[in-house]
Amino acid sequence: ILTMDLHAQQIQGFFDIPVDHLYASPVFFEALKEENTENLTVFSPDVGGMKMANAYAEMLGCPLGFVAKRRTGATTVEAMNLVGEVEGRDILIIDDMTETAGTLVAAATLLKERGASTVRAIVSHGVLNDVGRERLRQGVLDELLTTNTVQLDKGDLPIRTLSVAPLLGEAIHRTHTDSSISSLFQIKGF
């Protein structure tokens, strides 16, 4: 079984056959490598996403920040604070998935209020529902980069969809030829 950017790594343990967990990061890095990252700060929308955001910040050679939020319920956030460079910076929020875009739009709103020049987000799985689509239409988030792991009709939304087909194809090929899959994630050009 091949999986990609699981929301919870523990899911791998539910299978009794071999599982190779792939990451969409090489696809995103390929799309970002031509960009100027001098003014970029990578942000995690919450403390739980710091590991992934830190990997992006290190690869891109830019500062890291995060949004600290305190929840009062499963879907209610009481307070949000920022930790990291924001004023005049181009922000790239890293998350694994979005459905309602609530966390992304709330973080983008706070980042822009604190002086961010632009705010974009990378999410591996854009599982947008109607609420998420409406939130993206508000225009607070300048661009959402996602993959085609889930079919998504972007319509008039600021979404750029990147294909993971070459990555999956190469992983399948390497599985059948007993080659290393982990070497797919040794990214060159950064």
Protein backbone atom coordinates (compact mmCIF):
# COMPACT_ATOMS: atom_id res chain seq x y z
CA ILE A 1 0.00 0.00 0.00
CA LEU A 2 1.21 3.50 -0.81
CA THR A 3 -0.07 6.38 1.30
CA MET A 4 0.63 10.10 1.09
CA ASP A 5 0.94 12.62 3.92
CA LEU A 6 -1.24 10.77 6.38
CA HIS A 7 -3.10 13.03 8.80
CA ALA A 8 -1.99 10.71 11.61
CA GLN A 9 1.13 8.56 11.20
CA GLN A 10 -0.45 5.90 13.42
CA ILE A 11 -2.77 4.94 10.54
CA GLN A 12 0.10 2.91 9.07
CA GLY A 13 -0.21 0.52 12.01
CA PHE A 14 -3.72 -0.55 10.99
CA PHE A 15 -2.48 -2.52 7.99
CA ASP A 16 -1.10 -6.03 8.15
CA ILE A 17 0.70 -5.71 4.81
CA PRO A 18 3.67 -3.47 3.92
CA VAL A 19 2.91 0.25 3.77
CA ASP A 20 5.12 2.89 2.17
CA HIS A 21 4.26 6.38 3.33
CA LEU A 22 5.05 9.02 0.71
CA TYR A 23 5.34 12.78 1.19
CA ALA A 24 4.12 15.44 -1.22
CA SER A 25 6.99 17.76 -0.28
CA PRO A 26 9.13 16.99 -3.39
CA VAL A 27 6.21 18.09 -5.58
CA PHE A 28 5.85 21.35 -3.64
CA PHE A 29 9.60 22.00 -3.57
CA GLU A 30 9.76 21.57 -7.33
CA ALA A 31 7.06 24.23 -7.69
CA LEU A 32 8.80 26.57 -5.22
CA LYS A 33 12.42 26.19 -6.35
CA GLU A 34 12.27 29.02 -8.89
CA GLU A 35 10.88 31.47 -6.34
CA ASN A 36 12.88 34.04 -4.42
CA THR A 37 12.75 32.96 -0.78
CA GLU A 38 14.69 35.91 0.70
CA ASN A 39 11.53 37.48 2.11
CA LEU A 40 9.77 34.21 2.93
CA THR A 41 8.78 33.00 6.39
CA VAL A 42 7.26 29.53 6.79
CA PHE A 43 4.45 29.25 9.34
CA SER A 44 2.67 26.35 10.97
CA PRO A 45 -1.00 27.08 11.64
CA ASP A 46 -0.69 25.25 14.97
CA VAL A 47 1.86 23.66 17.27
CA GLY A 48 1.02 20.18 15.94
CA GLY A 49 2.29 21.07 12.47
CA MET A 50 5.67 22.41 13.60
CA LYS A 51 7.67 19.35 12.52
CA MET A 52 6.45 19.56 8.93
CA ALA A 53 6.74 23.37 8.80
CA ASN A 54 10.27 23.18 10.21
CA ALA A 55 11.28 20.74 7.46
CA TYR A 56 10.03 23.20 4.83
CA ALA A 57 11.77 26.16 6.52
CA GLU A 58 15.07 24.28 6.65
CA MET A 59 14.82 23.16 3.02
CA LEU A 60 13.89 26.66 1.83
CA GLY A 61 16.45 28.32 4.11
CA CYS A 62 14.01 30.73 5.68
CA PRO A 63 12.68 31.61 9.15
CA LEU A 64 9.98 29.59 10.89
CA GLY A 65 6.97 30.79 12.84
CA PHE A 66 3.76 29.38 14.22
CA VAL A 67 0.29 30.35 15.30
CA ALA A 68 -0.39 29.54 18.93
CA LYS A 69 -4.08 29.04 19.54
CA ARG A 70 -6.12 28.13 22.55
CA ARG A 71 -9.29 26.14 21.94
CA THR A 72 -12.42 26.36 24.05
CA GLY A 73 -14.11 23.49 22.21
CA ALA A 74 -13.61 21.11 19.32
CA THR A 75 -14.38 23.81 16.75
CA THR A 76 -13.98 27.02 18.77
CA VAL A 77 -10.71 28.95 19.11
CA GLU A 78 -10.49 31.42 21.99
CA ALA A 79 -7.24 33.21 21.20
CA MET A 80 -4.53 33.24 18.54
CA ASN A 81 -0.99 34.59 18.88
CA LEU A 82 1.89 34.66 16.41
CA VAL A 83 5.45 33.60 17.07
CA GLY A 84 7.87 34.57 14.28
CA GLU A 85 8.75 37.25 11.73
CA VAL A 86 5.67 38.68 10.02
CA GLU A 87 5.94 42.42 9.27
CA GLY A 88 6.56 42.93 5.53
CA ARG A 89 7.20 39.23 4.97
CA ASP A 90 5.77 36.76 2.45
CA ILE A 91 4.23 33.98 4.50
CA LEU A 92 3.88 30.33 3.51
CA ILE A 93 1.58 28.32 5.80
CA ILE A 94 2.21 24.56 5.77
CA ASP A 95 -0.53 22.06 6.67
CA ASP A 96 -1.43 18.51 5.69
CA MET A 97 -5.07 19.06 4.76
CA THR A 98 -7.94 21.51 4.80
CA GLU A 99 -11.66 20.97 4.64
CA THR A 100 -13.31 24.11 5.98
CA ALA A 101 -10.21 26.33 5.57
CA GLY A 102 -11.09 27.79 8.98
CA THR A 103 -7.63 27.45 10.49
CA LEU A 104 -5.92 28.66 7.30
CA VAL A 105 -8.14 31.71 6.85
CA ALA A 106 -8.00 32.63 10.55
CA ALA A 107 -4.20 32.37 10.49
CA ALA A 108 -3.98 34.34 7.21
CA THR A 109 -6.24 37.06 8.63
CA LEU A 110 -4.07 37.42 11.74
CA LEU A 111 -0.86 37.36 9.68
CA LYS A 112 -2.13 40.12 7.38
CA GLU A 113 -3.31 42.17 10.38
CA ARG A 114 0.26 41.93 11.69
CA GLY A 115 1.70 43.23 8.43
CA ALA A 116 2.39 40.22 6.21
CA SER A 117 2.80 41.22 2.55
CA THR A 118 1.32 38.01 1.15
CA VAL A 119 -0.02 34.82 2.69
CA ARG A 120 -0.09 31.54 0.78
CA ALA A 121 -0.67 28.03 2.03
CA ILE A 122 0.51 24.57 1.08
CA VAL A 123 -1.79 21.65 1.93
CA SER A 124 -1.24 18.14 0.66
CA HIS A 125 -4.94 17.32 0.58
CA GLY A 126 -7.46 19.99 -0.43
CA VAL A 127 -10.67 18.35 0.76
CA LEU A 128 -12.66 21.58 0.54
CA ASN A 129 -16.33 21.59 1.38
CA ASP A 130 -18.73 24.48 0.63
CA VAL A 131 -17.74 26.34 3.81
CA GLY A 132 -14.06 26.07 2.86
CA ARG A 133 -14.73 27.29 -0.66
CA GLU A 134 -16.62 30.31 0.66
CA ARG A 135 -13.81 31.15 3.08
CA LEU A 136 -11.26 31.03 0.27
CA ARG A 137 -13.44 33.37 -1.79
CA GLN A 138 -12.97 36.02 0.92
CA GLY A 139 -9.52 36.60 -0.56
CA VAL A 140 -7.52 36.68 2.67
CA LEU A 141 -5.38 33.79 1.46
CA ASP A 142 -3.51 34.85 -1.68
CA GLU A 143 -3.00 31.31 -2.97
CA LEU A 144 -3.57 27.73 -1.91
CA LEU A 145 -1.15 25.17 -3.34
CA THR A 146 -2.43 21.61 -3.11
CA THR A 147 -2.07 18.28 -4.86
CA ASN A 148 -4.41 16.14 -6.89
CA THR A 149 -4.64 13.42 -4.20
CA VAL A 150 -8.29 14.48 -3.95
CA GLN A 151 -10.24 15.69 -6.99
CA LEU A 152 -10.91 19.39 -6.54
CA ASP A 153 -12.72 21.73 -8.90
CA LYS A 154 -10.99 25.03 -8.20
CA GLY A 155 -13.52 27.16 -10.08
CA ASP A 156 -12.82 30.81 -9.29
CA LEU A 157 -10.76 30.04 -6.19
CA PRO A 158 -7.08 31.02 -5.77
CA ILE A 159 -5.89 27.41 -5.97
CA ARG A 160 -2.93 25.87 -7.79
CA THR A 161 -3.13 22.08 -8.03
CA LEU A 162 0.08 20.10 -8.50
CA SER A 163 0.17 16.52 -9.75
CA VAL A 164 1.60 13.75 -7.58
CA ALA A 165 1.30 11.23 -10.44
CA PRO A 166 5.04 11.23 -11.29
CA LEU A 167 5.93 10.71 -7.62
CA LEU A 168 3.44 7.84 -7.23
CA GLY A 169 4.56 6.31 -10.52
CA GLU A 170 8.20 6.39 -9.46
CA ALA A 171 7.33 4.89 -6.06
CA ILE A 172 5.44 2.05 -7.76
CA HIS A 173 8.36 1.47 -10.14
CA ARG A 174 10.83 1.37 -7.25
CA THR A 175 8.62 -1.03 -5.31
CA HIS A 176 8.56 -3.45 -8.26
CA THR A 177 12.32 -3.17 -8.83
CA ASP A 178 13.23 -3.42 -5.11
CA SER A 179 14.79 0.06 -5.20
CA SER A 180 14.85 2.66 -2.46
CA ILE A 181 11.70 4.70 -1.97
CA SER A 182 13.23 6.87 0.76
CA SER A 183 15.69 8.34 -1.75
CA LEU A 184 12.70 9.99 -3.48
CA PHE A 185 12.68 12.45 -0.59
CA GLN A 186 16.33 13.49 -0.83
CA ILE A 187 15.55 16.74 -2.59
CA LYS A 188 18.14 18.34 -4.84
CA GLY A 189 18.31 21.95 -5.97
CA PHE A 190 17.94 23.65 -2.59
